[in-house]
PDB file of N, CA and C in Angstrom:
ATOM      1  N   UNK A   1     -56.087 -19.052 -81.853  1.00  0.00           N
ATOM      2  CA  UNK A   1     -56.086 -19.132 -80.402  1.00  0.00           C
ATOM      3  C   UNK A   1     -54.983 -20.095 -79.967  1.00  0.00           C
ATOM      4  N   UNK A   2     -54.228 -19.687 -78.976  1.00  0.00           N
ATOM      5  CA  UNK A   2     -53.128 -20.512 -78.477  1.00  0.00           C
ATOM      6  C   UNK A   2     -53.604 -21.423 -77.356  1.00  0.00           C
ATOM      7  N   UNK A   3     -53.006 -22.605 -77.275  1.00  0.00           N
ATOM      8  CA  UNK A   3     -53.206 -23.506 -76.140  1.00  0.00           C
ATOM      9  C   UNK A   3     -52.268 -23.015 -75.044  1.00  0.00           C
ATOM     10  N   UNK A   4     -52.781 -22.755 -73.867  1.00  0.00           N
ATOM     11  CA  UNK A   4     -51.993 -22.203 -72.773  1.00  0.00           C
ATOM     12  C   UNK A   4     -51.696 -23.306 -71.758  1.00  0.00           C
ATOM     13  N   UNK A   5     -50.403 -23.451 -71.402  1.00  0.00           N
ATOM     14  CA  UNK A   5     -50.013 -24.374 -70.332  1.00  0.00           C
ATOM     15  C   UNK A   5     -49.221 -23.573 -69.297  1.00  0.00           C
ATOM     16  N   UNK A   6     -49.336 -23.997 -68.057  1.00  0.00           N
ATOM     17  CA  UNK A   6     -48.585 -23.342 -66.996  1.00  0.00           C
ATOM     18  C   UNK A   6     -47.183 -23.940 -66.914  1.00  0.00           C
ATOM     19  N   UNK A   7     -46.322 -23.300 -66.135  1.00  0.00           N
ATOM     20  CA  UNK A   7     -44.979 -23.835 -65.938  1.00  0.00           C
ATOM     21  C   UNK A   7     -45.035 -25.223 -65.299  1.00  0.00           C
ATOM     22  N   UNK A   8     -45.941 -25.431 -64.363  1.00  0.00           N
ATOM     23  CA  UNK A   8     -46.085 -26.736 -63.704  1.00  0.00           C
ATOM     24  C   UNK A   8     -46.585 -27.781 -64.690  1.00  0.00           C
ATOM     25  N   UNK A   9     -47.485 -27.386 -65.569  1.00  0.00           N
ATOM     26  CA  UNK A   9     -47.983 -28.318 -66.585  1.00  0.00           C
ATOM     27  C   UNK A   9     -46.869 -28.678 -67.575  1.00  0.00           C
ATOM     28  N   UNK A  10     -46.035 -27.716 -67.914  1.00  0.00           N
ATOM     29  CA  UNK A  10     -44.904 -27.996 -68.796  1.00  0.00           C
ATOM     30  C   UNK A  10     -43.953 -28.993 -68.137  1.00  0.00           C
ATOM     31  N   UNK A  11     -43.695 -28.801 -66.837  1.00  0.00           N
ATOM     32  CA  UNK A  11     -42.859 -29.750 -66.098  1.00  0.00           C
ATOM     33  C   UNK A  11     -43.492 -31.139 -66.127  1.00  0.00           C
ATOM     34  N   UNK A  12     -44.815 -31.208 -66.016  1.00  0.00           N
ATOM     35  CA  UNK A  12     -45.512 -32.489 -66.074  1.00  0.00           C
ATOM     36  C   UNK A  12     -45.368 -33.134 -67.449  1.00  0.00           C
ATOM     37  N   UNK A  13     -45.420 -32.338 -68.493  1.00  0.00           N
ATOM     38  CA  UNK A  13     -45.237 -32.876 -69.851  1.00  0.00           C
ATOM     39  C   UNK A  13     -43.855 -33.486 -69.995  1.00  0.00           C
ATOM     40  N   UNK A  14     -42.835 -32.774 -69.521  1.00  0.00           N
ATOM     41  CA  UNK A  14     -41.466 -33.306 -69.583  1.00  0.00           C
ATOM     42  C   UNK A  14     -41.381 -34.591 -68.776  1.00  0.00           C
ATOM     43  N   UNK A  15     -41.962 -34.610 -67.578  1.00  0.00           N
ATOM     44  CA  UNK A  15     -41.959 -35.824 -66.756  1.00  0.00           C
ATOM     45  C   UNK A  15     -42.631 -36.980 -67.487  1.00  0.00           C
ATOM     46  N   UNK A  16     -43.763 -36.728 -68.123  1.00  0.00           N
ATOM     47  CA  UNK A  16     -44.471 -37.791 -68.852  1.00  0.00           C
ATOM     48  C   UNK A  16     -43.642 -38.316 -70.012  1.00  0.00           C
ATOM     49  N   UNK A  17     -42.906 -37.438 -70.679  1.00  0.00           N
ATOM     50  CA  UNK A  17     -42.043 -37.882 -71.776  1.00  0.00           C
ATOM     51  C   UNK A  17     -40.927 -38.765 -71.235  1.00  0.00           C
ATOM     52  N   UNK A  18     -40.277 -38.322 -70.155  1.00  0.00           N
ATOM     53  CA  UNK A  18     -39.141 -39.051 -69.605  1.00  0.00           C
ATOM     54  C   UNK A  18     -39.577 -40.375 -68.968  1.00  0.00           C
ATOM     55  N   UNK A  19     -40.679 -40.380 -68.248  1.00  0.00           N
ATOM     56  CA  UNK A  19     -41.108 -41.580 -67.544  1.00  0.00           C
ATOM     57  C   UNK A  19     -41.946 -42.516 -68.395  1.00  0.00           C
ATOM     58  N   UNK A  20     -42.457 -42.026 -69.494  1.00  0.00           N
ATOM     59  CA  UNK A  20     -43.359 -42.832 -70.307  1.00  0.00           C
ATOM     60  C   UNK A  20     -42.742 -43.258 -71.621  1.00  0.00           C
ATOM     61  N   UNK A  21     -43.607 -43.504 -72.567  1.00  0.00           N
ATOM     62  CA  UNK A  21     -43.152 -43.942 -73.881  1.00  0.00           C
ATOM     63  C   UNK A  21     -43.719 -43.047 -74.989  1.00  0.00           C
ATOM     64  N   UNK A  22     -43.818 -41.737 -74.688  1.00  0.00           N
ATOM     65  CA  UNK A  22     -44.338 -40.803 -75.686  1.00  0.00           C
ATOM     66  C   UNK A  22     -43.375 -40.636 -76.855  1.00  0.00           C
ATOM     67  N   UNK A  23     -42.082 -40.809 -76.599  1.00  0.00           N
ATOM     68  CA  UNK A  23     -41.077 -40.843 -77.663  1.00  0.00           C
ATOM     69  C   UNK A  23     -40.469 -42.240 -77.608  1.00  0.00           C
ATOM     70  N   UNK A  24     -40.780 -43.062 -78.586  1.00  0.00           N
ATOM     71  CA  UNK A  24     -40.354 -44.453 -78.511  1.00  0.00           C
ATOM     72  C   UNK A  24     -39.177 -44.797 -79.426  1.00  0.00           C
ATOM     73  N   UNK A  25     -38.674 -43.838 -80.160  1.00  0.00           N
ATOM     74  CA  UNK A  25     -37.533 -44.081 -81.041  1.00  0.00           C
ATOM     75  C   UNK A  25     -36.283 -43.540 -80.354  1.00  0.00           C
ATOM     76  N   UNK A  26     -35.253 -44.382 -80.207  1.00  0.00           N
ATOM     77  CA  UNK A  26     -34.062 -44.042 -79.416  1.00  0.00           C
ATOM     78  C   UNK A  26     -33.359 -42.784 -79.927  1.00  0.00           C
ATOM     79  N   UNK A  27     -33.209 -42.635 -81.216  1.00  0.00           N
ATOM     80  CA  UNK A  27     -32.530 -41.464 -81.760  1.00  0.00           C
ATOM     81  C   UNK A  27     -33.290 -40.178 -81.473  1.00  0.00           C
ATOM     82  N   UNK A  28     -34.587 -40.223 -81.591  1.00  0.00           N
ATOM     83  CA  UNK A  28     -35.409 -39.048 -81.305  1.00  0.00           C
ATOM     84  C   UNK A  28     -35.374 -38.731 -79.807  1.00  0.00           C
ATOM     85  N   UNK A  29     -35.389 -39.769 -78.972  1.00  0.00           N
ATOM     86  CA  UNK A  29     -35.333 -39.541 -77.523  1.00  0.00           C
ATOM     87  C   UNK A  29     -33.974 -38.973 -77.123  1.00  0.00           C
ATOM     88  N   UNK A  30     -32.899 -39.471 -77.748  1.00  0.00           N
ATOM     89  CA  UNK A  30     -31.563 -38.919 -77.477  1.00  0.00           C
ATOM     90  C   UNK A  30     -31.527 -37.430 -77.845  1.00  0.00           C
ATOM     91  N   UNK A  31     -32.123 -37.065 -78.952  1.00  0.00           N
ATOM     92  CA  UNK A  31     -32.165 -35.656 -79.367  1.00  0.00           C
ATOM     93  C   UNK A  31     -32.976 -34.823 -78.363  1.00  0.00           C
ATOM     94  N   UNK A  32     -34.084 -35.358 -77.878  1.00  0.00           N
ATOM     95  CA  UNK A  32     -34.879 -34.670 -76.858  1.00  0.00           C
ATOM     96  C   UNK A  32     -34.028 -34.420 -75.618  1.00  0.00           C
ATOM     97  N   UNK A  33     -33.327 -35.458 -75.135  1.00  0.00           N
ATOM     98  CA  UNK A  33     -32.486 -35.312 -73.952  1.00  0.00           C
ATOM     99  C   UNK A  33     -31.325 -34.348 -74.207  1.00  0.00           C
ATOM    100  N   UNK A  34     -30.773 -34.366 -75.405  1.00  0.00           N
ATOM    101  CA  UNK A  34     -29.685 -33.453 -75.749  1.00  0.00           C
ATOM    102  C   UNK A  34     -30.155 -32.007 -75.652  1.00  0.00           C
ATOM    103  N   UNK A  35     -31.272 -31.719 -76.263  1.00  0.00           N
ATOM    104  CA  UNK A  35     -31.796 -30.342 -76.223  1.00  0.00           C
ATOM    105  C   UNK A  35     -32.180 -29.937 -74.802  1.00  0.00           C
ATOM    106  N   UNK A  36     -32.763 -30.866 -74.049  1.00  0.00           N
ATOM    107  CA  UNK A  36     -33.129 -30.579 -72.668  1.00  0.00           C
ATOM    108  C   UNK A  36     -31.877 -30.345 -71.822  1.00  0.00           C
ATOM    109  N   UNK A  37     -30.852 -31.161 -72.023  1.00  0.00           N
ATOM    110  CA  UNK A  37     -29.597 -30.992 -71.290  1.00  0.00           C
ATOM    111  C   UNK A  37     -28.941 -29.657 -71.589  1.00  0.00           C
ATOM    112  N   UNK A  38     -28.958 -29.242 -72.838  1.00  0.00           N
ATOM    113  CA  UNK A  38     -28.392 -27.945 -73.219  1.00  0.00           C
ATOM    114  C   UNK A  38     -29.190 -26.813 -72.573  1.00  0.00           C
ATOM    115  N   UNK A  39     -30.507 -26.922 -72.598  1.00  0.00           N
ATOM    116  CA  UNK A  39     -31.353 -25.905 -71.976  1.00  0.00           C
ATOM    117  C   UNK A  39     -31.046 -25.773 -70.486  1.00  0.00           C
ATOM    118  N   UNK A  40     -30.971 -26.891 -69.785  1.00  0.00           N
ATOM    119  CA  UNK A  40     -30.727 -26.850 -68.338  1.00  0.00           C
ATOM    120  C   UNK A  40     -29.336 -26.301 -68.042  1.00  0.00           C
ATOM    121  N   UNK A  41     -28.322 -26.749 -68.776  1.00  0.00           N
ATOM    122  CA  UNK A  41     -26.970 -26.244 -68.514  1.00  0.00           C
ATOM    123  C   UNK A  41     -26.845 -24.766 -68.874  1.00  0.00           C
ATOM    124  N   UNK A  42     -27.583 -24.295 -69.857  1.00  0.00           N
ATOM    125  CA  UNK A  42     -27.564 -22.864 -70.179  1.00  0.00           C
ATOM    126  C   UNK A  42     -28.011 -22.019 -68.986  1.00  0.00           C
ATOM    127  N   UNK A  43     -28.906 -22.556 -68.171  1.00  0.00           N
ATOM    128  CA  UNK A  43     -29.431 -21.795 -67.043  1.00  0.00           C
ATOM    129  C   UNK A  43     -28.801 -22.159 -65.707  1.00  0.00           C
ATOM    130  N   UNK A  44     -28.272 -23.369 -65.574  1.00  0.00           N
ATOM    131  CA  UNK A  44     -27.747 -23.833 -64.293  1.00  0.00           C
ATOM    132  C   UNK A  44     -26.225 -23.968 -64.277  1.00  0.00           C
ATOM    133  N   UNK A  45     -25.585 -23.645 -65.377  1.00  0.00           N
ATOM    134  CA  UNK A  45     -24.138 -23.820 -65.476  1.00  0.00           C
ATOM    135  C   UNK A  45     -23.806 -25.222 -65.945  1.00  0.00           C
ATOM    136  N   UNK A  46     -22.577 -25.387 -66.342  1.00  0.00           N
ATOM    137  CA  UNK A  46     -22.151 -26.669 -66.885  1.00  0.00           C
ATOM    138  C   UNK A  46     -22.297 -26.684 -68.391  1.00  0.00           C
ATOM    139  N   UNK A  47     -21.884 -27.786 -68.953  1.00  0.00           N
ATOM    140  CA  UNK A  47     -21.932 -27.947 -70.405  1.00  0.00           C
ATOM    141  C   UNK A  47     -22.236 -29.407 -70.695  1.00  0.00           C
ATOM    142  N   UNK A  48     -23.168 -29.652 -71.591  1.00  0.00           N
ATOM    143  CA  UNK A  48     -23.511 -31.022 -71.940  1.00  0.00           C
ATOM    144  C   UNK A  48     -22.367 -31.661 -72.704  1.00  0.00           C
ATOM    145  N   UNK A  49     -21.863 -32.761 -72.181  1.00  0.00           N
ATOM    146  CA  UNK A  49     -20.784 -33.482 -72.843  1.00  0.00           C
ATOM    147  C   UNK A  49     -21.288 -34.535 -73.801  1.00  0.00           C
ATOM    148  N   UNK A  50     -22.388 -35.160 -73.489  1.00  0.00           N
ATOM    149  CA  UNK A  50     -22.933 -36.199 -74.343  1.00  0.00           C
ATOM    150  C   UNK A  50     -24.114 -36.885 -73.688  1.00  0.00           C
ATOM    151  N   UNK A  51     -24.850 -37.631 -74.512  1.00  0.00           N
ATOM    152  CA  UNK A  51     -26.010 -38.386 -74.051  1.00  0.00           C
ATOM    153  C   UNK A  51     -25.850 -39.809 -74.562  1.00  0.00           C
ATOM    154  N   UNK A  52     -25.855 -40.763 -73.647  1.00  0.00           N
ATOM    155  CA  UNK A  52     -25.734 -42.176 -73.998  1.00  0.00           C
ATOM    156  C   UNK A  52     -26.658 -42.984 -73.112  1.00  0.00           C
ATOM    157  N   UNK A  53     -26.694 -44.282 -73.359  1.00  0.00           N
ATOM    158  CA  UNK A  53     -27.495 -45.136 -72.495  1.00  0.00           C
ATOM    159  C   UNK A  53     -26.669 -46.343 -72.076  1.00  0.00           C
ATOM    160  N   UNK A  54     -27.125 -46.961 -71.015  1.00  0.00           N
ATOM    161  CA  UNK A  54     -26.504 -48.167 -70.486  1.00  0.00           C
ATOM    162  C   UNK A  54     -27.624 -49.098 -70.063  1.00  0.00           C
ATOM    163  N   UNK A  55     -27.300 -50.350 -69.898  1.00  0.00           N
ATOM    164  CA  UNK A  55     -28.264 -51.314 -69.377  1.00  0.00           C
ATOM    165  C   UNK A  55     -27.943 -51.558 -67.915  1.00  0.00           C
ATOM    166  N   UNK A  56     -28.935 -51.458 -67.068  1.00  0.00           N
ATOM    167  CA  UNK A  56     -28.749 -51.686 -65.637  1.00  0.00           C
ATOM    168  C   UNK A  56     -29.636 -52.849 -65.205  1.00  0.00           C
ATOM    169  N   UNK A  57     -29.131 -53.626 -64.253  1.00  0.00           N
ATOM    170  CA  UNK A  57     -29.895 -54.750 -63.726  1.00  0.00           C
ATOM    171  C   UNK A  57     -30.958 -54.237 -62.761  1.00  0.00           C
ATOM    172  N   UNK A  58     -32.163 -54.751 -62.913  1.00  0.00           N
ATOM    173  CA  UNK A  58     -33.278 -54.392 -62.040  1.00  0.00           C
ATOM    174  C   UNK A  58     -33.912 -55.679 -61.536  1.00  0.00           C
ATOM    175  N   UNK A  59     -34.539 -55.573 -60.377  1.00  0.00           N
ATOM    176  CA  UNK A  59     -35.292 -56.701 -59.843  1.00  0.00           C
ATOM    177  C   UNK A  59     -36.686 -56.219 -59.505  1.00  0.00           C
ATOM    178  N   UNK A  60     -37.668 -56.986 -59.942  1.00  0.00           N
ATOM    179  CA  UNK A  60     -39.058 -56.657 -59.669  1.00  0.00           C
ATOM    180  C   UNK A  60     -39.821 -57.954 -59.472  1.00  0.00           C
ATOM    181  N   UNK A  61     -40.502 -58.055 -58.352  1.00  0.00           N
ATOM    182  CA  UNK A  61     -41.266 -59.258 -58.020  1.00  0.00           C
ATOM    183  C   UNK A  61     -40.412 -60.522 -58.102  1.00  0.00           C
ATOM    184  N   UNK A  62     -39.156 -60.411 -57.656  1.00  0.00           N
ATOM    185  CA  UNK A  62     -38.260 -61.554 -57.650  1.00  0.00           C
ATOM    186  C   UNK A  62     -37.669 -61.904 -59.007  1.00  0.00           C
ATOM    187  N   UNK A  63     -37.978 -61.128 -60.029  1.00  0.00           N
ATOM    188  CA  UNK A  63     -37.440 -61.368 -61.372  1.00  0.00           C
ATOM    189  C   UNK A  63     -36.336 -60.371 -61.663  1.00  0.00           C
ATOM    190  N   UNK A  64     -35.264 -60.863 -62.255  1.00  0.00           N
ATOM    191  CA  UNK A  64     -34.167 -59.992 -62.690  1.00  0.00           C
ATOM    192  C   UNK A  64     -34.350 -59.667 -64.160  1.00  0.00           C
ATOM    193  N   UNK A  65     -34.097 -58.424 -64.518  1.00  0.00           N
ATOM    194  CA  UNK A  65     -34.150 -58.022 -65.919  1.00  0.00           C
ATOM    195  C   UNK A  65     -33.252 -56.817 -66.104  1.00  0.00           C
ATOM    196  N   UNK A  66     -33.008 -56.479 -67.351  1.00  0.00           N
ATOM    197  CA  UNK A  66     -32.199 -55.303 -67.652  1.00  0.00           C
ATOM    198  C   UNK A  66     -33.095 -54.194 -68.168  1.00  0.00           C
ATOM    199  N   UNK A  67     -32.752 -52.980 -67.754  1.00  0.00           N
ATOM    200  CA  UNK A  67     -33.505 -51.801 -68.154  1.00  0.00           C
ATOM    201  C   UNK A  67     -32.532 -50.794 -68.758  1.00  0.00           C
ATOM    202  N   UNK A  68     -32.986 -50.071 -69.756  1.00  0.00           N
ATOM    203  CA  UNK A  68     -32.159 -49.024 -70.357  1.00  0.00           C
ATOM    204  C   UNK A  68     -32.193 -47.810 -69.448  1.00  0.00           C
ATOM    205  N   UNK A  69     -31.017 -47.254 -69.173  1.00  0.00           N
ATOM    206  CA  UNK A  69     -30.906 -46.031 -68.387  1.00  0.00           C
ATOM    207  C   UNK A  69     -30.132 -45.016 -69.222  1.00  0.00           C
ATOM    208  N   UNK A  70     -30.748 -43.870 -69.478  1.00  0.00           N
ATOM    209  CA  UNK A  70     -30.100 -42.811 -70.248  1.00  0.00           C
ATOM    210  C   UNK A  70     -29.240 -41.963 -69.319  1.00  0.00           C
ATOM    211  N   UNK A  71     -28.082 -41.552 -69.806  1.00  0.00           N
ATOM    212  CA  UNK A  71     -27.106 -40.815 -69.009  1.00  0.00           C
ATOM    213  C   UNK A  71     -26.679 -39.554 -69.751  1.00  0.00           C
ATOM    214  N   UNK A  72     -26.667 -38.425 -69.047  1.00  0.00           N
ATOM    215  CA  UNK A  72     -26.194 -37.166 -69.612  1.00  0.00           C
ATOM    216  C   UNK A  72     -24.902 -36.796 -68.903  1.00  0.00           C
ATOM    217  N   UNK A  73     -23.842 -36.610 -69.663  1.00  0.00           N
ATOM    218  CA  UNK A  73     -22.563 -36.194 -69.103  1.00  0.00           C
ATOM    219  C   UNK A  73     -22.506 -34.681 -69.030  1.00  0.00           C
ATOM    220  N   UNK A  74     -22.401 -34.156 -67.818  1.00  0.00           N
ATOM    221  CA  UNK A  74     -22.358 -32.708 -67.622  1.00  0.00           C
ATOM    222  C   UNK A  74     -20.940 -32.317 -67.221  1.00  0.00           C
ATOM    223  N   UNK A  75     -20.314 -31.484 -68.040  1.00  0.00           N
ATOM    224  CA  UNK A  75     -18.971 -30.987 -67.734  1.00  0.00           C
ATOM    225  C   UNK A  75     -19.077 -29.708 -66.901  1.00  0.00           C
ATOM    226  N   UNK A  76     -18.136 -29.543 -66.006  1.00  0.00           N
ATOM    227  CA  UNK A  76     -18.063 -28.327 -65.196  1.00  0.00           C
ATOM    228  C   UNK A  76     -17.568 -27.181 -66.084  1.00  0.00           C
ATOM    229  N   UNK A  77     -18.087 -25.990 -65.862  1.00  0.00           N
ATOM    230  CA  UNK A  77     -17.538 -24.796 -66.512  1.00  0.00           C
ATOM    231  C   UNK A  77     -17.618 -23.617 -65.538  1.00  0.00           C
ATOM    232  N   UNK A  78     -17.172 -22.462 -65.973  1.00  0.00           N
ATOM    233  CA  UNK A  78     -17.117 -21.280 -65.101  1.00  0.00           C
ATOM    234  C   UNK A  78     -18.489 -20.794 -64.655  1.00  0.00           C
ATOM    235  N   UNK A  79     -19.551 -21.248 -65.288  1.00  0.00           N
ATOM    236  CA  UNK A  79     -20.895 -20.808 -64.917  1.00  0.00           C
ATOM    237  C   UNK A  79     -21.492 -21.620 -63.763  1.00  0.00           C
ATOM    238  N   UNK A  80     -20.829 -22.707 -63.376  1.00  0.00           N
ATOM    239  CA  UNK A  80     -21.305 -23.501 -62.237  1.00  0.00           C
ATOM    240  C   UNK A  80     -20.926 -22.764 -60.960  1.00  0.00           C
ATOM    241  N   UNK A  81     -21.889 -22.530 -60.050  1.00  0.00           N
ATOM    242  CA  UNK A  81     -21.549 -21.886 -58.784  1.00  0.00           C
ATOM    243  C   UNK A  81     -20.465 -22.667 -58.038  1.00  0.00           C
ATOM    244  N   UNK A  82     -19.711 -21.971 -57.210  1.00  0.00           N
ATOM    245  CA  UNK A  82     -18.586 -22.579 -56.496  1.00  0.00           C
ATOM    246  C   UNK A  82     -18.999 -23.808 -55.689  1.00  0.00           C
ATOM    247  N   UNK A  83     -20.213 -23.796 -55.142  1.00  0.00           N
ATOM    248  CA  UNK A  83     -20.676 -24.940 -54.335  1.00  0.00           C
ATOM    249  C   UNK A  83     -21.229 -26.085 -55.185  1.00  0.00           C
ATOM    250  N   UNK A  84     -21.184 -25.944 -56.504  1.00  0.00           N
ATOM    251  CA  UNK A  84     -21.683 -26.979 -57.399  1.00  0.00           C
ATOM    252  C   UNK A  84     -23.091 -26.738 -57.891  1.00  0.00           C
ATOM    253  N   UNK A  85     -23.744 -25.730 -57.317  1.00  0.00           N
ATOM    254  CA  UNK A  85     -25.096 -25.397 -57.762  1.00  0.00           C
ATOM    255  C   UNK A  85     -26.037 -26.585 -57.673  1.00  0.00           C
ATOM    256  N   UNK A  86     -26.930 -26.656 -58.595  1.00  0.00           N
ATOM    257  CA  UNK A  86     -27.924 -27.729 -58.620  1.00  0.00           C
ATOM    258  C   UNK A  86     -27.273 -29.096 -58.795  1.00  0.00           C
ATOM    259  N   UNK A  87     -26.110 -29.111 -59.438  1.00  0.00           N
ATOM    260  CA  UNK A  87     -25.445 -30.378 -59.770  1.00  0.00           C
ATOM    261  C   UNK A  87     -24.907 -31.098 -58.540  1.00  0.00           C
ATOM    262  N   UNK A  88     -24.702 -30.380 -57.440  1.00  0.00           N
ATOM    263  CA  UNK A  88     -24.137 -31.020 -56.236  1.00  0.00           C
ATOM    264  C   UNK A  88     -25.059 -32.092 -55.669  1.00  0.00           C
ATOM    265  N   UNK A  89     -26.334 -32.033 -56.013  1.00  0.00           N
ATOM    266  CA  UNK A  89     -27.309 -32.994 -55.495  1.00  0.00           C
ATOM    267  C   UNK A  89     -27.343 -34.295 -56.291  1.00  0.00           C
ATOM    268  N   UNK A  90     -26.543 -34.400 -57.335  1.00  0.00           N
ATOM    269  CA  UNK A  90     -26.602 -35.558 -58.227  1.00  0.00           C
ATOM    270  C   UNK A  90     -25.216 -36.152 -58.409  1.00  0.00           C
ATOM    271  N   UNK A  91     -25.165 -37.433 -58.721  1.00  0.00           N
ATOM    272  CA  UNK A  91     -23.911 -38.180 -58.893  1.00  0.00           C
ATOM    273  C   UNK A  91     -22.951 -37.877 -57.751  1.00  0.00           C
ATOM    274  N   UNK A  92     -23.369 -38.245 -56.568  1.00  0.00           N
ATOM    275  CA  UNK A  92     -22.570 -37.951 -55.375  1.00  0.00           C
ATOM    276  C   UNK A  92     -21.277 -38.753 -55.323  1.00  0.00           C
ATOM    277  N   UNK A  93     -21.103 -39.722 -56.240  1.00  0.00           N
ATOM    278  CA  UNK A  93     -19.825 -40.442 -56.338  1.00  0.00           C
ATOM    279  C   UNK A  93     -18.723 -39.539 -56.876  1.00  0.00           C
ATOM    280  N   UNK A  94     -19.119 -38.434 -57.489  1.00  0.00           N
ATOM    281  CA  UNK A  94     -18.162 -37.473 -58.042  1.00  0.00           C
ATOM    282  C   UNK A  94     -18.323 -36.162 -57.282  1.00  0.00           C
ATOM    283  N   UNK A  95     -17.498 -35.949 -56.234  1.00  0.00           N
ATOM    284  CA  UNK A  95     -17.613 -34.714 -55.453  1.00  0.00           C
ATOM    285  C   UNK A  95     -17.379 -33.465 -56.316  1.00  0.00           C
ATOM    286  N   UNK A  96     -18.003 -32.371 -55.924  1.00  0.00           N
ATOM    287  CA  UNK A  96     -17.914 -31.115 -56.682  1.00  0.00           C
ATOM    288  C   UNK A  96     -16.461 -30.716 -56.895  1.00  0.00           C
ATOM    289  N   UNK A  97     -15.627 -30.853 -55.875  1.00  0.00           N
ATOM    290  CA  UNK A  97     -14.221 -30.456 -55.990  1.00  0.00           C
ATOM    291  C   UNK A  97     -13.521 -31.254 -57.092  1.00  0.00           C
ATOM    292  N   UNK A  98     -13.758 -32.544 -57.117  1.00  0.00           N
ATOM    293  CA  UNK A  98     -13.142 -33.406 -58.138  1.00  0.00           C
ATOM    294  C   UNK A  98     -13.696 -33.065 -59.520  1.00  0.00           C
ATOM    295  N   UNK A  99     -15.003 -32.869 -59.606  1.00  0.00           N
ATOM    296  CA  UNK A  99     -15.663 -32.549 -60.870  1.00  0.00           C
ATOM    297  C   UNK A  99     -15.110 -31.248 -61.441  1.00  0.00           C
ATOM    298  N   UNK A 100     -14.939 -30.234 -60.596  1.00  0.00           N
ATOM    299  CA  UNK A 100     -14.473 -28.939 -61.084  1.00  0.00           C
ATOM    300  C   UNK A 100     -13.010 -28.999 -61.538  1.00  0.00           C
ATOM    301  N   UNK A 101     -12.211 -29.844 -60.908  1.00  0.00           N
ATOM    302  CA  UNK A 101     -10.800 -29.967 -61.278  1.00  0.00           C
ATOM    303  C   UNK A 101     -10.590 -30.778 -62.544  1.00  0.00           C
ATOM    304  N   UNK A 102     -11.466 -31.746 -62.779  1.00  0.00           N
ATOM    305  CA  UNK A 102     -11.290 -32.633 -63.938  1.00  0.00           C
ATOM    306  C   UNK A 102     -11.803 -32.031 -65.223  1.00  0.00           C
ATOM    307  N   UNK A 103     -12.651 -31.022 -65.141  1.00  0.00           N
ATOM    308  CA  UNK A 103     -13.232 -30.459 -66.363  1.00  0.00           C
ATOM    309  C   UNK A 103     -12.384 -29.356 -66.941  1.00  0.00           C
TER     310      UNK A 103
END
């Protein structure tokens, strides 16, 4: 007998992985993000360039600390719609026109 999950439940599982600590080893998490990035670009256009992390300054309750932020580099390709598709809503510091010309 198979365990059945809905599309919304699958989205929730991905959210729990990304927002939580279900994968606590950096190399395994990078591989998860790599496969997820490839899956999304296969359907939404673009091409995964790489997955890395950076440390960003955060403030909470008046305390400063650094948090790891994972970054996926998405290259423009011919499969991205002319208006930028889903990607136009993200990294607004890089306009679609510039992104399409640089890739």
